[in-house]
Amino acid sequence: ALVFRSHGYALQVGWLRLPLPPWLTPGDLTVTHSDLGGGAFRFTLEIV
């Protein structure tokens, strides 16, 4: 399966990019794309 995992969050204000501290984020976000065959696939979003 193809897995996308969050690796930090940021806030862009004008040209300034500010990394958000971990306590100000929802945690780890994972999106998984898995093939089910026959043209079907599953997308799963999970935040831990």
All heavy atoms as atom14 arrays in JSON, in Angstrom:
{
  "sequence": "ALVFRSHGYALQVGWLRLPLPPWLTPGDLTVTHSDLGGGAFRFTLEIV",
  "atom14_mask": [
    [1, 1, 1, 1, 1, 0, 0, 0, 0, 0, 0, 0, 0, 0],
    [1, 1, 1, 1, 1, 1, 1, 1, 0, 0, 0, 0, 0, 0],
    [1, 1, 1, 1, 1, 1, 1, 0, 0, 0, 0, 0, 0, 0],
    [1, 1, 1, 1, 1, 1, 1, 1, 1, 1, 1, 0, 0, 0],
    [1, 1, 1, 1, 1, 1, 1, 1, 1, 1, 1, 0, 0, 0],
    [1, 1, 1, 1, 1, 1, 0, 0, 0, 0, 0, 0, 0, 0],
    [1, 1, 1, 1, 1, 1, 1, 1, 1, 1, 0, 0, 0, 0],
    [1, 1, 1, 1, 0, 0, 0, 0, 0, 0, 0, 0, 0, 0],
    [1, 1, 1, 1, 1, 1, 1, 1, 1, 1, 1, 1, 0, 0],
    [1, 1, 1, 1, 1, 0, 0, 0, 0, 0, 0, 0, 0, 0],
    [1, 1, 1, 1, 1, 1, 1, 1, 0, 0, 0, 0, 0, 0],
    [1, 1, 1, 1, 1, 1, 1, 1, 1, 0, 0, 0, 0, 0],
    [1, 1, 1, 1, 1, 1, 1, 0, 0, 0, 0, 0, 0, 0],
    [1, 1, 1, 1, 0, 0, 0, 0, 0, 0, 0, 0, 0, 0],
    [1, 1, 1, 1, 1, 1, 1, 1, 1, 1, 1, 1, 1, 1],
    [1, 1, 1, 1, 1, 1, 1, 1, 0, 0, 0, 0, 0, 0],
    [1, 1, 1, 1, 1, 1, 1, 1, 1, 1, 1, 0, 0, 0],
    [1, 1, 1, 1, 1, 1, 1, 1, 0, 0, 0, 0, 0, 0],
    [1, 1, 1, 1, 1, 1, 1, 0, 0, 0, 0, 0, 0, 0],
    [1, 1, 1, 1, 1, 1, 1, 1, 0, 0, 0, 0, 0, 0],
    [1, 1, 1, 1, 1, 1, 1, 0, 0, 0, 0, 0, 0, 0],
    [1, 1, 1, 1, 1, 1, 1, 0, 0, 0, 0, 0, 0, 0],
    [1, 1, 1, 1, 1, 1, 1, 1, 1, 1, 1, 1, 1, 1],
    [1, 1, 1, 1, 1, 1, 1, 1, 0, 0, 0, 0, 0, 0],
    [1, 1, 1, 1, 1, 1, 1, 0, 0, 0, 0, 0, 0, 0],
    [1, 1, 1, 1, 1, 1, 1, 0, 0, 0, 0, 0, 0, 0],
    [1, 1, 1, 1, 0, 0, 0, 0, 0, 0, 0, 0, 0, 0],
    [1, 1, 1, 1, 1, 1, 1, 1, 0, 0, 0, 0, 0, 0],
    [1, 1, 1, 1, 1, 1, 1, 1, 0, 0, 0, 0, 0, 0],
    [1, 1, 1, 1, 1, 1, 1, 0, 0, 0, 0, 0, 0, 0],
    [1, 1, 1, 1, 1, 1, 1, 0, 0, 0, 0, 0, 0, 0],
    [1, 1, 1, 1, 1, 1, 1, 0, 0, 0, 0, 0, 0, 0],
    [1, 1, 1, 1, 1, 1, 1, 1, 1, 1, 0, 0, 0, 0],
    [1, 1, 1, 1, 1, 1, 0, 0, 0, 0, 0, 0, 0, 0],
    [1, 1, 1, 1, 1, 1, 1, 1, 0, 0, 0, 0, 0, 0],
    [1, 1, 1, 1, 1, 1, 1, 1, 0, 0, 0, 0, 0, 0],
    [1, 1, 1, 1, 0, 0, 0, 0, 0, 0, 0, 0, 0, 0],
    [1, 1, 1, 1, 0, 0, 0, 0, 0, 0, 0, 0, 0, 0],
    [1, 1, 1, 1, 0, 0, 0, 0, 0, 0, 0, 0, 0, 0],
    [1, 1, 1, 1, 1, 0, 0, 0, 0, 0, 0, 0, 0, 0],
    [1, 1, 1, 1, 1, 1, 1, 1, 1, 1, 1, 0, 0, 0],
    [1, 1, 1, 1, 1, 1, 1, 1, 1, 1, 1, 0, 0, 0],
    [1, 1, 1, 1, 1, 1, 1, 1, 1, 1, 1, 0, 0, 0],
    [1, 1, 1, 1, 1, 1, 1, 0, 0, 0, 0, 0, 0, 0],
    [1, 1, 1, 1, 1, 1, 1, 1, 0, 0, 0, 0, 0, 0],
    [1, 1, 1, 1, 1, 1, 1, 1, 1, 0, 0, 0, 0, 0],
    [1, 1, 1, 1, 1, 1, 1, 1, 0, 0, 0, 0, 0, 0],
    [1, 1, 1, 1, 1, 1, 1, 0, 0, 0, 0, 0, 0, 0]
  ],
  "atom14_positions": [
    [[0.85, -1.19, 0.0], [0.0, 0.0, 0.0], [0.89, 1.24, 0.0], [2.0, 1.22, 0.53], [-0.91, 0.0, 1.23], [0.0, 0.0, 0.0], [0.0, 0.0, 0.0], [0.0, 0.0, 0.0], [0.0, 0.0, 0.0], [0.0, 0.0, 0.0], [0.0, 0.0, 0.0], [0.0, 0.0, 0.0], [0.0, 0.0, 0.0], [0.0, 0.0, 0.0]],
    [[0.39, 2.33, -0.58], [1.09, 3.61, -0.58], [0.64, 4.37, 0.67], [-0.55, 4.55, 0.9], [0.75, 4.39, -1.84], [1.53, 5.67, -2.08], [3.02, 5.39, -2.19], [1.03, 6.36, -3.35], [0.0, 0.0, 0.0], [0.0, 0.0, 0.0], [0.0, 0.0, 0.0], [0.0, 0.0, 0.0], [0.0, 0.0, 0.0], [0.0, 0.0, 0.0]],
    [[1.61, 4.78, 1.5], [1.3, 5.4, 2.79], [1.9, 6.8, 2.84], [3.09, 6.99, 2.58], [1.85, 4.54, 3.95], [1.55, 5.2, 5.29], [1.27, 3.14, 3.89], [0.0, 0.0, 0.0], [0.0, 0.0, 0.0], [0.0, 0.0, 0.0], [0.0, 0.0, 0.0], [0.0, 0.0, 0.0], [0.0, 0.0, 0.0], [0.0, 0.0, 0.0]],
    [[1.06, 7.78, 3.17], [1.46, 9.17, 3.38], [1.39, 9.43, 4.88], [0.33, 9.25, 5.48], [0.51, 10.14, 2.66], [0.47, 9.99, 1.18], [-0.34, 9.03, 0.58], [1.23, 10.81, 0.36], [-0.4, 8.9, -0.79], [1.18, 10.69, -1.02], [0.37, 9.72, -1.59], [0.0, 0.0, 0.0], [0.0, 0.0, 0.0], [0.0, 0.0, 0.0]],
    [[2.5, 9.88, 5.47], [2.53, 10.18, 6.91], [2.93, 11.64, 7.13], [3.84, 12.14, 6.46], [3.54, 9.3, 7.63], [3.17, 7.86, 7.7], [4.12, 7.1, 8.63], [3.98, 5.68, 8.46], [2.99, 4.93, 8.95], [2.05, 5.52, 9.65], [2.95, 3.65, 8.74], [0.0, 0.0, 0.0], [0.0, 0.0, 0.0], [0.0, 0.0, 0.0]],
    [[2.25, 12.27, 8.07], [2.61, 13.65, 8.41], [4.01, 13.67, 9.01], [4.42, 12.74, 9.7], [1.6, 14.24, 9.39], [1.6, 13.51, 10.6], [0.0, 0.0, 0.0], [0.0, 0.0, 0.0], [0.0, 0.0, 0.0], [0.0, 0.0, 0.0], [0.0, 0.0, 0.0], [0.0, 0.0, 0.0], [0.0, 0.0, 0.0], [0.0, 0.0, 0.0]],
    [[4.72, 14.74, 8.69], [6.08, 14.91, 9.24], [6.25, 16.38, 9.6], [7.08, 17.09, 9.05], [7.11, 14.47, 8.2], [8.51, 14.48, 8.74], [8.95, 13.55, 9.66], [9.55, 15.3, 8.51], [10.2, 13.81, 9.95], [10.6, 14.88, 9.27], [0.0, 0.0, 0.0], [0.0, 0.0, 0.0], [0.0, 0.0, 0.0], [0.0, 0.0, 0.0]],
    [[5.39, 16.84, 10.48], [5.45, 18.22, 10.93], [4.4, 19.09, 10.23], [4.02, 18.85, 9.09], [0.0, 0.0, 0.0], [0.0, 0.0, 0.0], [0.0, 0.0, 0.0], [0.0, 0.0, 0.0], [0.0, 0.0, 0.0], [0.0, 0.0, 0.0], [0.0, 0.0, 0.0], [0.0, 0.0, 0.0], [0.0, 0.0, 0.0], [0.0, 0.0, 0.0]],
    [[3.95, 20.09, 10.96], [2.95, 21.03, 10.48], [3.57, 22.43, 10.49], [4.47, 22.7, 11.27], [1.71, 21.01, 11.38], [1.0, 19.67, 11.42], [1.48, 18.62, 12.19], [-0.15, 19.46, 10.67], [0.83, 17.4, 12.24], [-0.8, 18.24, 10.7], [-0.3, 17.21, 11.49], [-0.95, 16.02, 11.52], [0.0, 0.0, 0.0], [0.0, 0.0, 0.0]],
    [[3.05, 23.31, 9.64], [3.58, 24.68, 9.58], [2.45, 25.66, 9.32], [1.4, 25.31, 8.78], [4.63, 24.79, 8.49], [0.0, 0.0, 0.0], [0.0, 0.0, 0.0], [0.0, 0.0, 0.0], [0.0, 0.0, 0.0], [0.0, 0.0, 0.0], [0.0, 0.0, 0.0], [0.0, 0.0, 0.0], [0.0, 0.0, 0.0], [0.0, 0.0, 0.0]],
    [[2.72, 26.91, 9.68], [1.82, 28.02, 9.4], [2.59, 29.02, 8.56], [3.67, 29.47, 8.95], [1.35, 28.67, 10.71], [0.45, 29.89, 10.56], [-0.87, 29.52, 9.89], [0.21, 30.52, 11.93], [0.0, 0.0, 0.0], [0.0, 0.0, 0.0], [0.0, 0.0, 0.0], [0.0, 0.0, 0.0], [0.0, 0.0, 0.0], [0.0, 0.0, 0.0]],
    [[2.03, 29.35, 7.4], [2.64, 30.33, 6.49], [1.96, 31.67, 6.71], [0.74, 31.79, 6.57], [2.45, 29.87, 5.04], [3.17, 30.71, 4.02], [4.58, 30.23, 3.8], [4.87, 29.05, 3.92], [5.46, 31.13, 3.47], [0.0, 0.0, 0.0], [0.0, 0.0, 0.0], [0.0, 0.0, 0.0], [0.0, 0.0, 0.0], [0.0, 0.0, 0.0]],
    [[2.76, 32.68, 7.08], [2.25, 34.04, 7.26], [3.09, 34.92, 6.34], [4.24, 35.21, 6.63], [2.38, 34.51, 8.73], [1.83, 35.91, 8.88], [1.67, 33.55, 9.67], [0.0, 0.0, 0.0], [0.0, 0.0, 0.0], [0.0, 0.0, 0.0], [0.0, 0.0, 0.0], [0.0, 0.0, 0.0], [0.0, 0.0, 0.0], [0.0, 0.0, 0.0]],
    [[2.48, 35.31, 5.2], [3.25, 36.05, 4.19], [4.38, 35.17, 3.69], [4.18, 34.03, 3.32], [0.0, 0.0, 0.0], [0.0, 0.0, 0.0], [0.0, 0.0, 0.0], [0.0, 0.0, 0.0], [0.0, 0.0, 0.0], [0.0, 0.0, 0.0], [0.0, 0.0, 0.0], [0.0, 0.0, 0.0], [0.0, 0.0, 0.0], [0.0, 0.0, 0.0]],
    [[5.59, 35.67, 3.71], [6.75, 34.89, 3.26], [7.36, 34.06, 4.4], [8.23, 33.24, 4.19], [7.82, 35.82, 2.67], [8.23, 36.91, 3.63], [7.69, 38.16, 3.71], [9.21, 36.84, 4.65], [8.27, 38.87, 4.73], [9.23, 38.09, 5.33], [10.09, 35.86, 5.08], [10.06, 38.36, 6.38], [10.94, 36.14, 6.15], [10.92, 37.38, 6.78]],
    [[6.86, 34.26, 5.62], [7.4, 33.59, 6.8], [6.72, 32.23, 7.03], [5.49, 32.16, 7.11], [7.22, 34.48, 8.02], [7.85, 34.05, 9.32], [9.37, 33.94, 9.18], [7.48, 35.03, 10.42], [0.0, 0.0, 0.0], [0.0, 0.0, 0.0], [0.0, 0.0, 0.0], [0.0, 0.0, 0.0], [0.0, 0.0, 0.0], [0.0, 0.0, 0.0]],
    [[7.53, 31.18, 7.13], [7.01, 29.83, 7.4], [7.37, 29.46, 8.83], [8.55, 29.36, 9.17], [7.61, 28.84, 6.41], [7.11, 27.45, 6.55], [7.86, 26.53, 5.57], [7.4, 25.19, 5.67], [6.42, 24.66, 4.97], [5.8, 25.39, 4.07], [6.07, 23.41, 5.14], [0.0, 0.0, 0.0], [0.0, 0.0, 0.0], [0.0, 0.0, 0.0]],
    [[6.36, 29.24, 9.65], [6.57, 28.94, 11.07], [6.21, 27.49, 11.37], [5.04, 27.12, 11.26], [5.69, 29.86, 11.94], [5.85, 31.36, 11.71], [4.74, 32.13, 12.39], [7.21, 31.81, 12.2], [0.0, 0.0, 0.0], [0.0, 0.0, 0.0], [0.0, 0.0, 0.0], [0.0, 0.0, 0.0], [0.0, 0.0, 0.0], [0.0, 0.0, 0.0]],
    [[7.19, 26.67, 11.74], [6.86, 25.3, 12.13], [5.99, 25.33, 13.4], [6.27, 26.1, 14.32], [8.21, 24.64, 12.42], [9.24, 25.59, 11.91], [8.62, 26.94, 11.81], [0.0, 0.0, 0.0], [0.0, 0.0, 0.0], [0.0, 0.0, 0.0], [0.0, 0.0, 0.0], [0.0, 0.0, 0.0], [0.0, 0.0, 0.0], [0.0, 0.0, 0.0]],
    [[4.95, 24.5, 13.43], [4.09, 24.45, 14.61], [4.68, 23.47, 15.63], [5.11, 22.37, 15.25], [2.68, 24.02, 14.23], [1.91, 25.0, 13.33], [0.57, 24.42, 12.94], [1.72, 26.33, 14.03], [0.0, 0.0, 0.0], [0.0, 0.0, 0.0], [0.0, 0.0, 0.0], [0.0, 0.0, 0.0], [0.0, 0.0, 0.0], [0.0, 0.0, 0.0]],
    [[4.69, 23.84, 16.9], [5.2, 22.91, 17.91], [4.26, 21.7, 18.03], [3.05, 21.83, 17.81], [5.19, 23.75, 19.2], [4.25, 24.86, 18.94], [4.24, 25.11, 17.46], [0.0, 0.0, 0.0], [0.0, 0.0, 0.0], [0.0, 0.0, 0.0], [0.0, 0.0, 0.0], [0.0, 0.0, 0.0], [0.0, 0.0, 0.0], [0.0, 0.0, 0.0]],
    [[4.78, 20.53, 18.36], [3.95, 19.32, 18.44], [2.7, 19.47, 19.32], [1.66, 18.92, 18.98], [4.9, 18.27, 19.02], [6.25, 18.74, 18.59], [6.19, 20.24, 18.62], [0.0, 0.0, 0.0], [0.0, 0.0, 0.0], [0.0, 0.0, 0.0], [0.0, 0.0, 0.0], [0.0, 0.0, 0.0], [0.0, 0.0, 0.0], [0.0, 0.0, 0.0]],
    [[2.77, 20.24, 20.39], [1.61, 20.38, 21.27], [0.46, 21.15, 20.61], [-0.67, 21.09, 21.06], [1.99, 21.05, 22.6], [2.53, 22.45, 22.46], [3.83, 22.82, 22.33], [1.77, 23.66, 22.42], [3.94, 24.18, 22.21], [2.68, 24.73, 22.27], [0.41, 23.96, 22.5], [2.29, 26.05, 22.19], [0.01, 25.29, 22.42], [0.94, 26.31, 22.27]],
    [[0.76, 21.83, 19.49], [-0.25, 22.61, 18.79], [-0.77, 21.88, 17.54], [-1.46, 22.45, 16.72], [0.35, 23.97, 18.4], [-0.61, 25.09, 18.05], [-1.65, 25.33, 19.14], [0.16, 26.36, 17.78], [0.0, 0.0, 0.0], [0.0, 0.0, 0.0], [0.0, 0.0, 0.0], [0.0, 0.0, 0.0], [0.0, 0.0, 0.0], [0.0, 0.0, 0.0]],
    [[-0.45, 20.59, 17.41], [-0.87, 19.8, 16.24], [-1.8, 18.67, 16.68], [-1.83, 18.32, 17.86], [0.34, 19.21, 15.51], [0.91, 18.17, 16.31], [1.38, 20.27, 15.19], [0.0, 0.0, 0.0], [0.0, 0.0, 0.0], [0.0, 0.0, 0.0], [0.0, 0.0, 0.0], [0.0, 0.0, 0.0], [0.0, 0.0, 0.0], [0.0, 0.0, 0.0]],
    [[-2.53, 18.09, 15.73], [-3.44, 17.0, 16.09], [-2.74, 15.67, 16.35], [-3.36, 14.72, 16.81], [-4.35, 16.89, 14.88], [-3.53, 17.39, 13.75], [-2.65, 18.46, 14.33], [0.0, 0.0, 0.0], [0.0, 0.0, 0.0], [0.0, 0.0, 0.0], [0.0, 0.0, 0.0], [0.0, 0.0, 0.0], [0.0, 0.0, 0.0], [0.0, 0.0, 0.0]],
    [[-1.47, 15.59, 16.02], [-0.75, 14.32, 16.16], [-0.33, 13.79, 14.81], [-0.18, 14.55, 13.85], [0.0, 0.0, 0.0], [0.0, 0.0, 0.0], [0.0, 0.0, 0.0], [0.0, 0.0, 0.0], [0.0, 0.0, 0.0], [0.0, 0.0, 0.0], [0.0, 0.0, 0.0], [0.0, 0.0, 0.0], [0.0, 0.0, 0.0], [0.0, 0.0, 0.0]],
    [[-0.16, 12.49, 14.72], [0.32, 11.86, 13.49], [-0.84, 11.51, 12.57], [-1.74, 10.75, 12.96], [1.11, 10.59, 13.82], [2.34, 10.9, 14.65], [2.97, 11.94, 14.4], [2.66, 10.11, 15.55], [0.0, 0.0, 0.0], [0.0, 0.0, 0.0], [0.0, 0.0, 0.0], [0.0, 0.0, 0.0], [0.0, 0.0, 0.0], [0.0, 0.0, 0.0]],
    [[-0.81, 12.05, 11.37], [-1.84, 11.76, 10.37], [-1.25, 10.77, 9.38], [-0.13, 10.93, 8.9], [-2.26, 13.03, 9.65], [-3.35, 12.83, 8.61], [-4.38, 13.94, 8.71], [-2.78, 12.76, 7.21], [0.0, 0.0, 0.0], [0.0, 0.0, 0.0], [0.0, 0.0, 0.0], [0.0, 0.0, 0.0], [0.0, 0.0, 0.0], [0.0, 0.0, 0.0]],
    [[-2.01, 9.72, 9.07], [-1.6, 8.72, 8.1], [-2.74, 8.51, 7.11], [-3.89, 8.32, 7.51], [-1.28, 7.38, 8.78], [-0.27, 7.59, 9.77], [-0.79, 6.35, 7.78], [0.0, 0.0, 0.0], [0.0, 0.0, 0.0], [0.0, 0.0, 0.0], [0.0, 0.0, 0.0], [0.0, 0.0, 0.0], [0.0, 0.0, 0.0], [0.0, 0.0, 0.0]],
    [[-2.41, 8.56, 5.82], [-3.36, 8.22, 4.77], [-2.79, 7.03, 4.03], [-1.64, 7.07, 3.58], [-3.6, 9.4, 3.81], [-4.44, 8.97, 2.62], [-4.27, 10.56, 4.53], [0.0, 0.0, 0.0], [0.0, 0.0, 0.0], [0.0, 0.0, 0.0], [0.0, 0.0, 0.0], [0.0, 0.0, 0.0], [0.0, 0.0, 0.0], [0.0, 0.0, 0.0]],
    [[-3.59, 5.98, 3.91], [-3.15, 4.75, 3.25], [-4.01, 4.5, 2.03], [-5.24, 4.56, 2.1], [-3.26, 3.55, 4.22], [-2.52, 3.86, 5.4], [-2.72, 2.28, 3.59], [0.0, 0.0, 0.0], [0.0, 0.0, 0.0], [0.0, 0.0, 0.0], [0.0, 0.0, 0.0], [0.0, 0.0, 0.0], [0.0, 0.0, 0.0], [0.0, 0.0, 0.0]],
    [[-3.35, 4.22, 0.91], [-4.02, 3.91, -0.36], [-3.71, 2.45, -0.68], [-2.56, 2.13, -0.99], [-3.49, 4.83, -1.45], [-4.07, 4.56, -2.8], [-5.01, 5.37, -3.36], [-3.85, 3.57, -3.68], [-5.33, 4.89, -4.56], [-4.64, 3.8, -4.76], [0.0, 0.0, 0.0], [0.0, 0.0, 0.0], [0.0, 0.0, 0.0], [0.0, 0.0, 0.0]],
    [[-4.7, 1.59, -0.59], [-4.47, 0.18, -0.86], [-5.37, -0.31, -1.99], [-6.53, 0.07, -2.08], [-4.69, -0.66, 0.4], [-5.94, -0.39, 0.99], [0.0, 0.0, 0.0], [0.0, 0.0, 0.0], [0.0, 0.0, 0.0], [0.0, 0.0, 0.0], [0.0, 0.0, 0.0], [0.0, 0.0, 0.0], [0.0, 0.0, 0.0], [0.0, 0.0, 0.0]],
    [[-4.79, -1.12, -2.85], [-5.51, -1.64, -4.01], [-6.36, -2.83, -3.6], [-5.91, -3.7, -2.85], [-4.51, -2.04, -5.1], [-5.22, -2.32, -6.41], [-5.87, -1.39, -6.93], [-5.15, -3.47, -6.89], [0.0, 0.0, 0.0], [0.0, 0.0, 0.0], [0.0, 0.0, 0.0], [0.0, 0.0, 0.0], [0.0, 0.0, 0.0], [0.0, 0.0, 0.0]],
    [[-7.59, -2.89, -4.1], [-8.5, -3.99, -3.79], [-8.71, -4.9, -4.99], [-9.45, -5.87, -4.9], [-9.84, -3.44, -3.3], [-9.78, -2.55, -2.05], [-11.15, -1.98, -1.73], [-9.22, -3.33, -0.88], [0.0, 0.0, 0.0], [0.0, 0.0, 0.0], [0.0, 0.0, 0.0], [0.0, 0.0, 0.0], [0.0, 0.0, 0.0], [0.0, 0.0, 0.0]],
    [[-8.09, -4.55, -6.12], [-8.26, -5.34, -7.34], [-9.52, -4.93, -8.1], [-10.41, -4.28, -7.55], [0.0, 0.0, 0.0], [0.0, 0.0, 0.0], [0.0, 0.0, 0.0], [0.0, 0.0, 0.0], [0.0, 0.0, 0.0], [0.0, 0.0, 0.0], [0.0, 0.0, 0.0], [0.0, 0.0, 0.0], [0.0, 0.0, 0.0], [0.0, 0.0, 0.0]],
    [[-9.57, -5.27, -9.35], [-10.73, -4.97, -10.17], [-11.02, -3.5, -10.33], [-12.16, -3.11, -10.56], [0.0, 0.0, 0.0], [0.0, 0.0, 0.0], [0.0, 0.0, 0.0], [0.0, 0.0, 0.0], [0.0, 0.0, 0.0], [0.0, 0.0, 0.0], [0.0, 0.0, 0.0], [0.0, 0.0, 0.0], [0.0, 0.0, 0.0], [0.0, 0.0, 0.0]],
    [[-10.0, -2.65, -10.19], [-10.18, -1.21, -10.35], [-10.6, -0.49, -9.07], [-10.72, 0.72, -9.06], [0.0, 0.0, 0.0], [0.0, 0.0, 0.0], [0.0, 0.0, 0.0], [0.0, 0.0, 0.0], [0.0, 0.0, 0.0], [0.0, 0.0, 0.0], [0.0, 0.0, 0.0], [0.0, 0.0, 0.0], [0.0, 0.0, 0.0], [0.0, 0.0, 0.0]],
    [[-10.83, -1.23, -7.98], [-11.24, -0.61, -6.71], [-10.03, -0.39, -5.81], [-9.04, -1.11, -5.89], [-12.26, -1.49, -6.0], [0.0, 0.0, 0.0], [0.0, 0.0, 0.0], [0.0, 0.0, 0.0], [0.0, 0.0, 0.0], [0.0, 0.0, 0.0], [0.0, 0.0, 0.0], [0.0, 0.0, 0.0], [0.0, 0.0, 0.0], [0.0, 0.0, 0.0]],
    [[-10.12, 0.63, -4.97], [-9.07, 0.9, -3.99], [-9.67, 1.51, -2.74], [-10.77, 2.05, -2.76], [-7.98, 1.79, -4.57], [-8.45, 3.14, -5.01], [-8.4, 4.23, -4.16], [-8.93, 3.34, -6.3], [-8.83, 5.49, -4.57], [-9.37, 4.6, -6.72], [-9.32, 5.67, -5.86], [0.0, 0.0, 0.0], [0.0, 0.0, 0.0], [0.0, 0.0, 0.0]],
    [[-8.94, 1.4, -1.65], [-9.39, 1.94, -0.36], [-8.46, 3.08, 0.06], [-7.25, 2.96, -0.01], [-9.36, 0.86, 0.71], [-9.78, 1.36, 2.1], [-9.7, 0.26, 3.15], [-10.41, -0.93, 2.77], [-11.73, -1.11, 2.84], [-12.49, -0.13, 3.29], [-12.28, -2.24, 2.46], [0.0, 0.0, 0.0], [0.0, 0.0, 0.0], [0.0, 0.0, 0.0]],
    [[-9.07, 4.18, 0.5], [-8.35, 5.29, 1.11], [-8.74, 5.31, 2.59], [-9.93, 5.35, 2.91], [-8.76, 6.63, 0.47], [-7.67, 7.28, -0.32], [-7.37, 6.85, -1.59], [-6.94, 8.33, 0.21], [-6.36, 7.45, -2.33], [-5.94, 8.94, -0.51], [-5.65, 8.5, -1.79], [0.0, 0.0, 0.0], [0.0, 0.0, 0.0], [0.0, 0.0, 0.0]],
    [[-7.75, 5.29, 3.45], [-8.0, 5.33, 4.89], [-7.22, 6.5, 5.48], [-6.03, 6.63, 5.23], [-7.56, 4.02, 5.57], [-8.24, 2.94, 4.94], [-7.88, 4.04, 7.05], [0.0, 0.0, 0.0], [0.0, 0.0, 0.0], [0.0, 0.0, 0.0], [0.0, 0.0, 0.0], [0.0, 0.0, 0.0], [0.0, 0.0, 0.0], [0.0, 0.0, 0.0]],
    [[-7.91, 7.34, 6.23], [-7.29, 8.46, 6.94], [-7.37, 8.14, 8.43], [-8.42, 7.73, 8.93], [-8.05, 9.75, 6.65], [-7.62, 10.98, 7.44], [-7.64, 12.21, 6.55], [-8.47, 11.21, 8.66], [0.0, 0.0, 0.0], [0.0, 0.0, 0.0], [0.0, 0.0, 0.0], [0.0, 0.0, 0.0], [0.0, 0.0, 0.0], [0.0, 0.0, 0.0]],
    [[-6.24, 8.33, 9.12], [-6.22, 8.09, 10.56], [-5.35, 9.14, 11.23], [-4.26, 9.45, 10.74], [-5.69, 6.69, 10.84], [-5.81, 6.28, 12.28], [-5.5, 4.81, 12.48], [-4.38, 4.39, 12.12], [-6.37, 4.09, 12.99], [0.0, 0.0, 0.0], [0.0, 0.0, 0.0], [0.0, 0.0, 0.0], [0.0, 0.0, 0.0], [0.0, 0.0, 0.0]],
    [[-5.83, 9.68, 12.34], [-5.05, 10.62, 13.14], [-4.88, 10.03, 14.53], [-5.88, 9.69, 15.19], [-5.72, 12.01, 13.24], [-5.88, 12.62, 11.84], [-4.9, 12.94, 14.14], [-6.6, 13.95, 11.83], [0.0, 0.0, 0.0], [0.0, 0.0, 0.0], [0.0, 0.0, 0.0], [0.0, 0.0, 0.0], [0.0, 0.0, 0.0], [0.0, 0.0, 0.0]],
    [[-3.63, 9.91, 14.95], [-3.32, 9.36, 16.27], [-2.5, 10.4, 17.05], [-1.45, 10.84, 16.59], [-2.52, 8.04, 16.15], [-2.15, 7.52, 17.54], [-3.32, 7.0, 15.37], [0.0, 0.0, 0.0], [0.0, 0.0, 0.0], [0.0, 0.0, 0.0], [0.0, 0.0, 0.0], [0.0, 0.0, 0.0], [0.0, 0.0, 0.0], [0.0, 0.0, 0.0]]
  ]
}
